[in-house]
Amino acid sequence: RLQDRLGELNDARIAIRLAKALDEEGRGRFAYATGLVVGWCARASEGDPEALAKLWRKFKGTAPFWRREGEKRRAAAGGG
């Protein structure tokens, strides 16, 4: 979930950069389309900061998989 959201934010930033570069190369011929793309991506990248913070906190509280696997092995071996 966190990785998906961060990917969406990155995609939006890259799309904005590419759209602006395309508009510069086209000397304004793509201004309307660029505006649509930039506006849509800017809105999509706003999102909900609190939701992102919640995903981050959940991620930070998650034990790395190698620790979880080690705990499972110890528990299975009776080492608790």
C-alpha atoms as a PDB file:
ATOM      1  CA  ARG A   1       0.000   0.000   0.000  1.00  0.00           C
ATOM      2  CA  LEU A   2       2.746   2.452   0.928  1.00  0.00           C
ATOM      3  CA  GLN A   3       4.806   1.415  -2.076  1.00  0.00           C
ATOM      4  CA  ASP A   4       1.767   1.856  -4.332  1.00  0.00           C
ATOM      5  CA  ARG A   5       1.104   5.363  -3.015  1.00  0.00           C
ATOM      6  CA  LEU A   6       4.738   6.403  -3.297  1.00  0.00           C
ATOM      7  CA  GLY A   7       4.762   5.008  -6.841  1.00  0.00           C
ATOM      8  CA  GLU A   8       1.682   7.058  -7.720  1.00  0.00           C
ATOM      9  CA  LEU A   9       3.305  10.214  -6.362  1.00  0.00           C
ATOM     10  CA  ASN A  10       6.476   9.532  -8.323  1.00  0.00           C
ATOM     11  CA  ASP A  11       4.501   8.809 -11.505  1.00  0.00           C
ATOM     12  CA  ALA A  12       2.674  12.127 -11.147  1.00  0.00           C
ATOM     13  CA  ARG A  13       5.918  14.067 -10.698  1.00  0.00           C
ATOM     14  CA  ILE A  14       7.524  12.404 -13.710  1.00  0.00           C
ATOM     15  CA  ALA A  15       4.424  12.991 -15.856  1.00  0.00           C
ATOM     16  CA  ILE A  16       4.427  16.680 -14.929  1.00  0.00           C
ATOM     17  CA  ARG A  17       8.112  16.999 -15.813  1.00  0.00           C
ATOM     18  CA  LEU A  18       7.667  15.197 -19.142  1.00  0.00           C
ATOM     19  CA  ALA A  19       4.558  17.202 -20.066  1.00  0.00           C
ATOM     20  CA  LYS A  20       6.347  20.476 -19.380  1.00  0.00           C
ATOM     21  CA  ALA A  21       9.351  19.358 -21.433  1.00  0.00           C
ATOM     22  CA  LEU A  22       7.062  18.382 -24.319  1.00  0.00           C
ATOM     23  CA  ASP A  23       5.369  21.770 -24.176  1.00  0.00           C
ATOM     24  CA  GLU A  24       8.728  23.569 -24.232  1.00  0.00           C
ATOM     25  CA  GLU A  25       9.840  21.566 -27.269  1.00  0.00           C
ATOM     26  CA  GLY A  26       6.532  22.252 -29.006  1.00  0.00           C
ATOM     27  CA  ARG A  27       6.825  25.982 -28.317  1.00  0.00           C
ATOM     28  CA  GLY A  28       3.384  26.202 -26.792  1.00  0.00           C
ATOM     29  CA  ARG A  29       1.539  24.022 -29.306  1.00  0.00           C
ATOM     30  CA  PHE A  30       0.770  21.574 -26.527  1.00  0.00           C
ATOM     31  CA  ALA A  31      -0.089  24.171 -23.902  1.00  0.00           C
ATOM     32  CA  TYR A  32      -3.689  23.059 -23.432  1.00  0.00           C
ATOM     33  CA  ALA A  33      -2.812  19.355 -23.216  1.00  0.00           C
ATOM     34  CA  THR A  34       0.117  20.147 -20.944  1.00  0.00           C
ATOM     35  CA  GLY A  35      -2.177  22.114 -18.675  1.00  0.00           C
ATOM     36  CA  LEU A  36      -4.589  19.198 -18.474  1.00  0.00           C
ATOM     37  CA  VAL A  37      -1.841  16.710 -17.667  1.00  0.00           C
ATOM     38  CA  VAL A  38      -0.122  18.975 -15.162  1.00  0.00           C
ATOM     39  CA  GLY A  39      -3.410  19.838 -13.456  1.00  0.00           C
ATOM     40  CA  TRP A  40      -4.568  16.241 -13.257  1.00  0.00           C
ATOM     41  CA  CYS A  41      -1.216  15.016 -11.965  1.00  0.00           C
ATOM     42  CA  ALA A  42      -0.918  17.836  -9.459  1.00  0.00           C
ATOM     43  CA  ARG A  43      -4.335  16.976  -8.078  1.00  0.00           C
ATOM     44  CA  ALA A  44      -3.534  13.260  -8.013  1.00  0.00           C
ATOM     45  CA  SER A  45      -0.287  13.923  -6.176  1.00  0.00           C
ATOM     46  CA  GLU A  46      -1.977  15.944  -3.437  1.00  0.00           C
ATOM     47  CA  GLY A  47      -3.813  12.981  -1.987  1.00  0.00           C
ATOM     48  CA  ASP A  48      -4.375  12.749   1.722  1.00  0.00           C
ATOM     49  CA  PRO A  49      -1.237  13.552   3.725  1.00  0.00           C
ATOM     50  CA  GLU A  50      -2.696  11.936   6.841  1.00  0.00           C
ATOM     51  CA  ALA A  51      -3.413   8.711   4.948  1.00  0.00           C
ATOM     52  CA  LEU A  52       0.176   8.658   3.698  1.00  0.00           C
ATOM     53  CA  ALA A  53       1.447   9.325   7.225  1.00  0.00           C
ATOM     54  CA  LYS A  54      -0.695   6.447   8.506  1.00  0.00           C
ATOM     55  CA  LEU A  55       0.749   4.105   5.870  1.00  0.00           C
ATOM     56  CA  TRP A  56       4.251   5.241   6.831  1.00  0.00           C
ATOM     57  CA  ARG A  57       3.648   4.620  10.551  1.00  0.00           C
ATOM     58  CA  LYS A  58       2.294   1.157   9.780  1.00  0.00           C
ATOM     59  CA  PHE A  59       5.362   0.420   7.661  1.00  0.00           C
ATOM     60  CA  LYS A  60       7.756   1.684  10.347  1.00  0.00           C
ATOM     61  CA  GLY A  61       6.091  -0.569  12.920  1.00  0.00           C
ATOM     62  CA  THR A  62       6.480  -3.681  10.781  1.00  0.00           C
ATOM     63  CA  ALA A  63       9.312  -6.046  11.633  1.00  0.00           C
ATOM     64  CA  PRO A  64      11.548  -6.945   8.696  1.00  0.00           C
ATOM     65  CA  PHE A  65      10.533 -10.266   7.175  1.00  0.00           C
ATOM     66  CA  TRP A  66      13.831 -11.888   8.117  1.00  0.00           C
ATOM     67  CA  ARG A  67      13.152 -11.194  11.794  1.00  0.00           C
ATOM     68  CA  ARG A  68       9.626 -12.580  11.550  1.00  0.00           C
ATOM     69  CA  GLU A  69      10.947 -15.736   9.879  1.00  0.00           C
ATOM     70  CA  GLY A  70      13.592 -16.129  12.577  1.00  0.00           C
ATOM     71  CA  GLU A  71      10.965 -15.770  15.301  1.00  0.00           C
ATOM     72  CA  LYS A  72       8.804 -18.400  13.611  1.00  0.00           C
ATOM     73  CA  ARG A  73      11.730 -20.825  13.445  1.00  0.00           C
ATOM     74  CA  ARG A  74      12.633 -20.275  17.093  1.00  0.00           C
ATOM     75  CA  ALA A  75       9.018 -20.769  18.148  1.00  0.00           C
ATOM     76  CA  ALA A  76       8.768 -23.957  16.071  1.00  0.00           C
ATOM     77  CA  ALA A  77      11.966 -25.241  17.668  1.00  0.00           C
ATOM     78  CA  GLY A  78      10.602 -24.480  21.127  1.00  0.00           C
ATOM     79  CA  GLY A  79      12.986 -21.592  21.698  1.00  0.00           C
ATOM     80  CA  GLY A  80      10.143 -19.024  21.958  1.00  0.00           C
END
